[in-house]
Amino acid sequence: MTSPTAAPNPPRLVEFCGWYGTVAIVLAYALSSFEVLTTKSSVYQLLNLTGALGVAWICFHRRTWQAFWLEAVWAGIAGIALVRSMLT
């Protein structure tokens, strides 16, 4: 039986984007939960969009496919919601 190959270590920029993404998503959730931002706010959607893209990027580099697709869908939803909020 062979052991699985470890995912490559991503560059520092990718690591930074992953951490930014984590902070942005948690911040968006906290600001919404404490009623500082509404879920229709462009800032809320922008935090979700950029956060999901940052986490997706690190997941892509580390070959964590379940989390990558979760974040890709999350970014897609946030992107659509952001465009819709800008058009209304």
PDB file of N, CA and C in Angstrom:
ATOM      1  N   MET A   1       0.840  -1.171   0.000  1.00  0.00           N
ATOM      2  CA  MET A   1       0.000   0.000   0.000  1.00  0.00           C
ATOM      3  C   MET A   1       0.892   1.244   0.000  1.00  0.00           C
ATOM      4  N   THR A   2       0.576   2.187  -0.850  1.00  0.00           N
ATOM      5  CA  THR A   2       1.375   3.407  -0.922  1.00  0.00           C
ATOM      6  C   THR A   2       0.699   4.509  -0.128  1.00  0.00           C
ATOM      7  N   SER A   3       1.508   5.378   0.402  1.00  0.00           N
ATOM      8  CA  SER A   3       0.947   6.508   1.155  1.00  0.00           C
ATOM      9  C   SER A   3       0.555   7.607   0.174  1.00  0.00           C
ATOM     10  N   PRO A   4      -0.480   8.372   0.532  1.00  0.00           N
ATOM     11  CA  PRO A   4      -0.892   9.465  -0.362  1.00  0.00           C
ATOM     12  C   PRO A   4       0.187  10.538  -0.426  1.00  0.00           C
ATOM     13  N   THR A   5       0.280  11.164  -1.568  1.00  0.00           N
ATOM     14  CA  THR A   5       1.261  12.237  -1.704  1.00  0.00           C
ATOM     15  C   THR A   5       0.731  13.494  -1.033  1.00  0.00           C
ATOM     16  N   ALA A   6       1.601  14.183  -0.375  1.00  0.00           N
ATOM     17  CA  ALA A   6       1.218  15.413   0.303  1.00  0.00           C
ATOM     18  C   ALA A   6       0.999  16.517  -0.719  1.00  0.00           C
ATOM     19  N   ALA A   7       0.060  17.369  -0.402  1.00  0.00           N
ATOM     20  CA  ALA A   7      -0.188  18.523  -1.269  1.00  0.00           C
ATOM     21  C   ALA A   7       1.016  19.455  -1.190  1.00  0.00           C
ATOM     22  N   PRO A   8       1.353  20.095  -2.299  1.00  0.00           N
ATOM     23  CA  PRO A   8       2.508  20.992  -2.287  1.00  0.00           C
ATOM     24  C   PRO A   8       2.251  22.213  -1.407  1.00  0.00           C
ATOM     25  N   ASN A   9       3.330  22.731  -0.853  1.00  0.00           N
ATOM     26  CA  ASN A   9       3.208  23.959  -0.062  1.00  0.00           C
ATOM     27  C   ASN A   9       2.990  25.128  -1.006  1.00  0.00           C
ATOM     28  N   PRO A  10       1.914  25.890  -0.803  1.00  0.00           N
ATOM     29  CA  PRO A  10       1.641  27.020  -1.703  1.00  0.00           C
ATOM     30  C   PRO A  10       2.559  28.203  -1.405  1.00  0.00           C
ATOM     31  N   PRO A  11       2.716  29.097  -2.368  1.00  0.00           N
ATOM     32  CA  PRO A  11       3.498  30.312  -2.142  1.00  0.00           C
ATOM     33  C   PRO A  11       2.885  31.181  -1.035  1.00  0.00           C
ATOM     34  N   ARG A  12       3.680  32.075  -0.496  1.00  0.00           N
ATOM     35  CA  ARG A  12       3.215  32.954   0.597  1.00  0.00           C
ATOM     36  C   ARG A  12       1.996  33.781   0.217  1.00  0.00           C
ATOM     37  N   LEU A  13       1.945  34.242  -1.020  1.00  0.00           N
ATOM     38  CA  LEU A  13       0.796  35.041  -1.461  1.00  0.00           C
ATOM     39  C   LEU A  13      -0.491  34.226  -1.369  1.00  0.00           C
ATOM     40  N   VAL A  14      -0.420  32.968  -1.753  1.00  0.00           N
ATOM     41  CA  VAL A  14      -1.591  32.103  -1.685  1.00  0.00           C
ATOM     42  C   VAL A  14      -1.978  31.868  -0.225  1.00  0.00           C
ATOM     43  N   GLU A  15      -1.000  31.649   0.643  1.00  0.00           N
ATOM     44  CA  GLU A  15      -1.268  31.497   2.079  1.00  0.00           C
ATOM     45  C   GLU A  15      -1.949  32.752   2.632  1.00  0.00           C
ATOM     46  N   PHE A  16      -1.429  33.913   2.263  1.00  0.00           N
ATOM     47  CA  PHE A  16      -2.011  35.177   2.726  1.00  0.00           C
ATOM     48  C   PHE A  16      -3.456  35.298   2.255  1.00  0.00           C
ATOM     49  N   CYS A  17      -3.708  34.983   0.997  1.00  0.00           N
ATOM     50  CA  CYS A  17      -5.074  35.077   0.464  1.00  0.00           C
ATOM     51  C   CYS A  17      -6.015  34.118   1.180  1.00  0.00           C
ATOM     52  N   GLY A  18      -5.525  32.932   1.514  1.00  0.00           N
ATOM     53  CA  GLY A  18      -6.338  31.989   2.269  1.00  0.00           C
ATOM     54  C   GLY A  18      -6.707  32.524   3.638  1.00  0.00           C
ATOM     55  N   TRP A  19      -5.749  33.122   4.325  1.00  0.00           N
ATOM     56  CA  TRP A  19      -6.035  33.710   5.641  1.00  0.00           C
ATOM     57  C   TRP A  19      -6.949  34.921   5.519  1.00  0.00           C
ATOM     58  N   TYR A  20      -6.701  35.769   4.492  1.00  0.00           N
ATOM     59  CA  TYR A  20      -7.605  36.899   4.265  1.00  0.00           C
ATOM     60  C   TYR A  20      -9.026  36.391   4.060  1.00  0.00           C
ATOM     61  N   GLY A  21      -9.174  35.369   3.231  1.00  0.00           N
ATOM     62  CA  GLY A  21     -10.494  34.827   2.946  1.00  0.00           C
ATOM     63  C   GLY A  21     -11.211  34.348   4.194  1.00  0.00           C
ATOM     64  N   THR A  22     -10.490  33.654   5.041  1.00  0.00           N
ATOM     65  CA  THR A  22     -11.076  33.169   6.294  1.00  0.00           C
ATOM     66  C   THR A  22     -11.552  34.330   7.148  1.00  0.00           C
ATOM     67  N   VAL A  23     -10.711  35.344   7.301  1.00  0.00           N
ATOM     68  CA  VAL A  23     -11.080  36.518   8.114  1.00  0.00           C
ATOM     69  C   VAL A  23     -12.259  37.260   7.482  1.00  0.00           C
ATOM     70  N   ALA A  24     -12.254  37.419   6.170  1.00  0.00           N
ATOM     71  CA  ALA A  24     -13.328  38.156   5.481  1.00  0.00           C
ATOM     72  C   ALA A  24     -14.673  37.461   5.648  1.00  0.00           C
ATOM     73  N   ILE A  25     -14.709  36.134   5.500  1.00  0.00           N
ATOM     74  CA  ILE A  25     -15.969  35.400   5.640  1.00  0.00           C
ATOM     75  C   ILE A  25     -16.483  35.471   7.076  1.00  0.00           C
ATOM     76  N   VAL A  26     -15.592  35.282   8.033  1.00  0.00           N
ATOM     77  CA  VAL A  26     -16.007  35.362   9.442  1.00  0.00           C
ATOM     78  C   VAL A  26     -16.453  36.779   9.789  1.00  0.00           C
ATOM     79  N   LEU A  27     -15.750  37.779   9.280  1.00  0.00           N
ATOM     80  CA  LEU A  27     -16.128  39.167   9.524  1.00  0.00           C
ATOM     81  C   LEU A  27     -17.500  39.476   8.941  1.00  0.00           C
ATOM     82  N   ALA A  28     -17.752  39.027   7.710  1.00  0.00           N
ATOM     83  CA  ALA A  28     -19.065  39.239   7.090  1.00  0.00           C
ATOM     84  C   ALA A  28     -20.161  38.599   7.935  1.00  0.00           C
ATOM     85  N   TYR A  29     -19.923  37.379   8.393  1.00  0.00           N
ATOM     86  CA  TYR A  29     -20.903  36.675   9.214  1.00  0.00           C
ATOM     87  C   TYR A  29     -21.142  37.413  10.533  1.00  0.00           C
ATOM     88  N   ALA A  30     -20.072  37.849  11.176  1.00  0.00           N
ATOM     89  CA  ALA A  30     -20.198  38.556  12.450  1.00  0.00           C
ATOM     90  C   ALA A  30     -20.942  39.879  12.270  1.00  0.00           C
ATOM     91  N   LEU A  31     -20.579  40.647  11.254  1.00  0.00           N
ATOM     92  CA  LEU A  31     -21.233  41.940  11.030  1.00  0.00           C
ATOM     93  C   LEU A  31     -22.712  41.760  10.707  1.00  0.00           C
ATOM     94  N   SER A  32     -23.045  40.694  10.011  1.00  0.00           N
ATOM     95  CA  SER A  32     -24.450  40.400   9.726  1.00  0.00           C
ATOM     96  C   SER A  32     -25.176  39.934  10.992  1.00  0.00           C
ATOM     97  N   SER A  33     -24.541  39.063  11.753  1.00  0.00           N
ATOM     98  CA  SER A  33     -25.163  38.522  12.969  1.00  0.00           C
ATOM     99  C   SER A  33     -25.439  39.602  14.005  1.00  0.00           C
ATOM    100  N   PHE A  34     -24.556  40.583  14.101  1.00  0.00           N
ATOM    101  CA  PHE A  34     -24.732  41.668  15.065  1.00  0.00           C
ATOM    102  C   PHE A  34     -25.428  42.883  14.461  1.00  0.00           C
ATOM    103  N   GLU A  35     -26.020  42.688  13.285  1.00  0.00           N
ATOM    104  CA  GLU A  35     -26.838  43.687  12.595  1.00  0.00           C
ATOM    105  C   GLU A  35     -26.108  44.988  12.294  1.00  0.00           C
ATOM    106  N   VAL A  36     -24.804  44.870  12.032  1.00  0.00           N
ATOM    107  CA  VAL A  36     -24.029  46.018  11.580  1.00  0.00           C
ATOM    108  C   VAL A  36     -24.220  46.178  10.072  1.00  0.00           C
ATOM    109  N   LEU A  37     -24.270  45.046   9.368  1.00  0.00           N
ATOM    110  CA  LEU A  37     -24.538  45.021   7.930  1.00  0.00           C
ATOM    111  C   LEU A  37     -25.747  44.128   7.672  1.00  0.00           C
ATOM    112  N   THR A  38     -26.475  44.454   6.629  1.00  0.00           N
ATOM    113  CA  THR A  38     -27.545  43.550   6.200  1.00  0.00           C
ATOM    114  C   THR A  38     -26.972  42.616   5.139  1.00  0.00           C
ATOM    115  N   THR A  39     -27.652  41.519   4.911  1.00  0.00           N
ATOM    116  CA  THR A  39     -27.176  40.585   3.896  1.00  0.00           C
ATOM    117  C   THR A  39     -27.330  41.145   2.488  1.00  0.00           C
ATOM    118  N   LYS A  40     -28.074  42.236   2.347  1.00  0.00           N
ATOM    119  CA  LYS A  40     -28.216  42.884   1.037  1.00  0.00           C
ATOM    120  C   LYS A  40     -27.148  43.947   0.801  1.00  0.00           C
ATOM    121  N   SER A  41     -26.325  44.197   1.801  1.00  0.00           N
ATOM    122  CA  SER A  41     -25.270  45.195   1.704  1.00  0.00           C
ATOM    123  C   SER A  41     -24.198  44.767   0.705  1.00  0.00           C
ATOM    124  N   SER A  42     -23.739  45.712  -0.097  1.00  0.00           N
ATOM    125  CA  SER A  42     -22.655  45.424  -1.048  1.00  0.00           C
ATOM    126  C   SER A  42     -21.368  45.045  -0.323  1.00  0.00           C
ATOM    127  N   VAL A  43     -21.120  45.669   0.819  1.00  0.00           N
ATOM    128  CA  VAL A  43     -19.918  45.354   1.601  1.00  0.00           C
ATOM    129  C   VAL A  43     -19.979  43.907   2.084  1.00  0.00           C
ATOM    130  N   TYR A  44     -21.136  43.481   2.564  1.00  0.00           N
ATOM    131  CA  TYR A  44     -21.322  42.100   3.013  1.00  0.00           C
ATOM    132  C   TYR A  44     -21.049  41.128   1.868  1.00  0.00           C
ATOM    133  N   GLN A  45     -21.625  41.387   0.717  1.00  0.00           N
ATOM    134  CA  GLN A  45     -21.443  40.491  -0.423  1.00  0.00           C
ATOM    135  C   GLN A  45     -20.005  40.522  -0.937  1.00  0.00           C
ATOM    136  N   LEU A  46     -19.372  41.691  -0.902  1.00  0.00           N
ATOM    137  CA  LEU A  46     -17.980  41.802  -1.335  1.00  0.00           C
ATOM    138  C   LEU A  46     -17.053  41.030  -0.396  1.00  0.00           C
ATOM    139  N   LEU A  47     -17.307  41.106   0.909  1.00  0.00           N
ATOM    140  CA  LEU A  47     -16.517  40.320   1.864  1.00  0.00           C
ATOM    141  C   LEU A  47     -16.687  38.826   1.593  1.00  0.00           C
ATOM    142  N   ASN A  48     -17.915  38.398   1.340  1.00  0.00           N
ATOM    143  CA  ASN A  48     -18.158  36.989   1.040  1.00  0.00           C
ATOM    144  C   ASN A  48     -17.491  36.567  -0.264  1.00  0.00           C
ATOM    145  N   LEU A  49     -17.599  37.393  -1.282  1.00  0.00           N
ATOM    146  CA  LEU A  49     -17.012  37.072  -2.590  1.00  0.00           C
ATOM    147  C   LEU A  49     -15.490  36.966  -2.499  1.00  0.00           C
ATOM    148  N   THR A  50     -14.848  37.998  -1.987  1.00  0.00           N
ATOM    149  CA  THR A  50     -13.381  37.990  -1.928  1.00  0.00           C
ATOM    150  C   THR A  50     -12.877  36.950  -0.932  1.00  0.00           C
ATOM    151  N   GLY A  51     -13.621  36.774   0.158  1.00  0.00           N
ATOM    152  CA  GLY A  51     -13.236  35.755   1.133  1.00  0.00           C
ATOM    153  C   GLY A  51     -13.298  34.360   0.540  1.00  0.00           C
ATOM    154  N   ALA A  52     -14.381  34.056  -0.149  1.00  0.00           N
ATOM    155  CA  ALA A  52     -14.528  32.737  -0.756  1.00  0.00           C
ATOM    156  C   ALA A  52     -13.465  32.500  -1.826  1.00  0.00           C
ATOM    157  N   LEU A  53     -13.139  33.523  -2.604  1.00  0.00           N
ATOM    158  CA  LEU A  53     -12.092  33.373  -3.618  1.00  0.00           C
ATOM    159  C   LEU A  53     -10.733  33.109  -2.975  1.00  0.00           C
ATOM    160  N   GLY A  54     -10.451  33.805  -1.873  1.00  0.00           N
ATOM    161  CA  GLY A  54      -9.180  33.584  -1.170  1.00  0.00           C
ATOM    162  C   GLY A  54      -9.063  32.174  -0.625  1.00  0.00           C
ATOM    163  N   VAL A  55     -10.121  31.691   0.010  1.00  0.00           N
ATOM    164  CA  VAL A  55     -10.101  30.330   0.559  1.00  0.00           C
ATOM    165  C   VAL A  55     -10.077  29.305  -0.574  1.00  0.00           C
ATOM    166  N   ALA A  56     -10.813  29.565  -1.650  1.00  0.00           N
ATOM    167  CA  ALA A  56     -10.811  28.639  -2.789  1.00  0.00           C
ATOM    168  C   ALA A  56      -9.413  28.514  -3.386  1.00  0.00           C
ATOM    169  N   TRP A  57      -8.698  29.621  -3.439  1.00  0.00           N
ATOM    170  CA  TRP A  57      -7.362  29.600  -4.032  1.00  0.00           C
ATOM    171  C   TRP A  57      -6.412  28.705  -3.229  1.00  0.00           C
ATOM    172  N   ILE A  58      -6.439  28.851  -1.897  1.00  0.00           N
ATOM    173  CA  ILE A  58      -5.567  28.006  -1.073  1.00  0.00           C
ATOM    174  C   ILE A  58      -6.010  26.549  -1.164  1.00  0.00           C
ATOM    175  N   CYS A  59      -7.318  26.312  -1.216  1.00  0.00           N
ATOM    176  CA  CYS A  59      -7.819  24.935  -1.340  1.00  0.00           C
ATOM    177  C   CYS A  59      -7.389  24.318  -2.667  1.00  0.00           C
ATOM    178  N   PHE A  60      -7.397  25.112  -3.724  1.00  0.00           N
ATOM    179  CA  PHE A  60      -6.945  24.636  -5.036  1.00  0.00           C
ATOM    180  C   PHE A  60      -5.477  24.224  -4.969  1.00  0.00           C
ATOM    181  N   HIS A  61      -4.648  25.069  -4.372  1.00  0.00           N
ATOM    182  CA  HIS A  61      -3.220  24.771  -4.279  1.00  0.00           C
ATOM    183  C   HIS A  61      -2.938  23.561  -3.407  1.00  0.00           C
ATOM    184  N   ARG A  62      -3.751  23.365  -2.385  1.00  0.00           N
ATOM    185  CA  ARG A  62      -3.546  22.231  -1.479  1.00  0.00           C
ATOM    186  C   ARG A  62      -4.318  20.986  -1.898  1.00  0.00           C
ATOM    187  N   ARG A  63      -5.043  21.099  -3.013  1.00  0.00           N
ATOM    188  CA  ARG A  63      -5.812  19.972  -3.560  1.00  0.00           C
ATOM    189  C   ARG A  63      -6.870  19.464  -2.582  1.00  0.00           C
ATOM    190  N   THR A  64      -7.548  20.400  -1.950  1.00  0.00           N
ATOM    191  CA  THR A  64      -8.644  20.087  -1.034  1.00  0.00           C
ATOM    192  C   THR A  64      -9.932  20.352  -1.808  1.00  0.00           C
ATOM    193  N   TRP A  65     -10.360  19.372  -2.564  1.00  0.00           N
ATOM    194  CA  TRP A  65     -11.391  19.589  -3.574  1.00  0.00           C
ATOM    195  C   TRP A  65     -12.777  19.860  -2.998  1.00  0.00           C
ATOM    196  N   GLN A  66     -13.153  19.200  -1.908  1.00  0.00           N
ATOM    197  CA  GLN A  66     -14.486  19.456  -1.345  1.00  0.00           C
ATOM    198  C   GLN A  66     -14.595  20.910  -0.908  1.00  0.00           C
ATOM    199  N   ALA A  67     -13.605  21.378  -0.179  1.00  0.00           N
ATOM    200  CA  ALA A  67     -13.614  22.767   0.292  1.00  0.00           C
ATOM    201  C   ALA A  67     -13.483  23.743  -0.882  1.00  0.00           C
ATOM    202  N   PHE A  68     -12.705  23.370  -1.893  1.00  0.00           N
ATOM    203  CA  PHE A  68     -12.571  24.229  -3.069  1.00  0.00           C
ATOM    204  C   PHE A  68     -13.934  24.462  -3.713  1.00  0.00           C
ATOM    205  N   TRP A  69     -14.696  23.380  -3.932  1.00  0.00           N
ATOM    206  CA  TRP A  69     -15.993  23.531  -4.594  1.00  0.00           C
ATOM    207  C   TRP A  69     -16.999  24.255  -3.716  1.00  0.00           C
ATOM    208  N   LEU A  70     -16.925  24.051  -2.414  1.00  0.00           N
ATOM    209  CA  LEU A  70     -17.777  24.814  -1.499  1.00  0.00           C
ATOM    210  C   LEU A  70     -17.514  26.307  -1.668  1.00  0.00           C
ATOM    211  N   GLU A  71     -16.254  26.684  -1.675  1.00  0.00           N
ATOM    212  CA  GLU A  71     -15.887  28.099  -1.793  1.00  0.00           C
ATOM    213  C   GLU A  71     -16.175  28.648  -3.187  1.00  0.00           C
ATOM    214  N   ALA A  72     -16.011  27.831  -4.206  1.00  0.00           N
ATOM    215  CA  ALA A  72     -16.320  28.282  -5.571  1.00  0.00           C
ATOM    216  C   ALA A  72     -17.817  28.597  -5.697  1.00  0.00           C
ATOM    217  N   VAL A  73     -18.656  27.732  -5.153  1.00  0.00           N
ATOM    218  CA  VAL A  73     -20.106  27.981  -5.181  1.00  0.00           C
ATOM    219  C   VAL A  73     -20.436  29.190  -4.321  1.00  0.00           C
ATOM    220  N   TRP A  74     -19.803  29.299  -3.150  1.00  0.00           N
ATOM    221  CA  TRP A  74     -20.006  30.439  -2.253  1.00  0.00           C
ATOM    222  C   TRP A  74     -19.671  31.736  -2.980  1.00  0.00           C
ATOM    223  N   ALA A  75     -18.555  31.754  -3.690  1.00  0.00           N
ATOM    224  CA  ALA A  75     -18.155  32.948  -4.444  1.00  0.00           C
ATOM    225  C   ALA A  75     -19.147  33.246  -5.555  1.00  0.00           C
ATOM    226  N   GLY A  76     -19.634  32.209  -6.225  1.00  0.00           N
ATOM    227  CA  GLY A  76     -20.621  32.403  -7.281  1.00  0.00           C
ATOM    228  C   GLY A  76     -21.902  33.032  -6.759  1.00  0.00           C
ATOM    229  N   ILE A  77     -22.382  32.530  -5.636  1.00  0.00           N
ATOM    230  CA  ILE A  77     -23.594  33.088  -5.022  1.00  0.00           C
ATOM    231  C   ILE A  77     -23.362  34.544  -4.623  1.00  0.00           C
ATOM    232  N   ALA A  78     -22.233  34.805  -3.985  1.00  0.00           N
ATOM    233  CA  ALA A  78     -21.927  36.177  -3.565  1.00  0.00           C
ATOM    234  C   ALA A  78     -21.782  37.099  -4.769  1.00  0.00           C
ATOM    235  N   GLY A  79     -21.163  36.610  -5.832  1.00  0.00           N
ATOM    236  CA  GLY A  79     -21.000  37.423  -7.040  1.00  0.00           C
ATOM    237  C   GLY A  79     -22.337  37.788  -7.677  1.00  0.00           C
ATOM    238  N   ILE A  80     -23.210  36.798  -7.770  1.00  0.00           N
ATOM    239  CA  ILE A  80     -24.553  37.064  -8.326  1.00  0.00           C
ATOM    240  C   ILE A  80     -25.304  38.045  -7.451  1.00  0.00           C
ATOM    241  N   ALA A  81     -25.252  37.843  -6.127  1.00  0.00           N
ATOM    242  CA  ALA A  81     -25.953  38.747  -5.203  1.00  0.00           C
ATOM    243  C   ALA A  81     -25.372  40.166  -5.280  1.00  0.00           C
ATOM    244  N   LEU A  82     -24.052  40.276  -5.442  1.00  0.00           N
ATOM    245  CA  LEU A  82     -23.426  41.602  -5.545  1.00  0.00           C
ATOM    246  C   LEU A  82     -23.873  42.310  -6.817  1.00  0.00           C
ATOM    247  N   VAL A  83     -23.884  41.616  -7.930  1.00  0.00           N
ATOM    248  CA  VAL A  83     -24.326  42.212  -9.193  1.00  0.00           C
ATOM    249  C   VAL A  83     -25.794  42.628  -9.088  1.00  0.00           C
ATOM    250  N   ARG A  84     -26.615  41.758  -8.530  1.00  0.00           N
ATOM    251  CA  ARG A  84     -28.041  42.085  -8.378  1.00  0.00           C
ATOM    252  C   ARG A  84     -28.249  43.312  -7.501  1.00  0.00           C
ATOM    253  N   SER A  85     -27.452  43.435  -6.423  1.00  0.00           N
ATOM    254  CA  SER A  85     -27.602  44.588  -5.536  1.00  0.00           C
ATOM    255  C   SER A  85     -27.150  45.878  -6.222  1.00  0.00           C
ATOM    256  N   MET A  86     -26.200  45.771  -7.119  1.00  0.00           N
ATOM    257  CA  MET A  86     -25.711  46.946  -7.831  1.00  0.00           C
ATOM    258  C   MET A  86     -26.698  47.379  -8.928  1.00  0.00           C
ATOM    259  N   LEU A  87     -27.476  46.451  -9.437  1.00  0.00           N
ATOM    260  CA  LEU A  87     -28.429  46.769 -10.499  1.00  0.00           C
ATOM    261  C   LEU A  87     -29.771  47.298  -9.980  1.00  0.00           C
ATOM    262  N   THR A  88     -30.032  47.139  -8.699  1.00  0.00           N
ATOM    263  CA  THR A  88     -31.311  47.624  -8.143  1.00  0.00           C
ATOM    264  C   THR A  88     -31.130  48.890  -7.373  1.00  0.00           C
TER     265      THR A  88
END
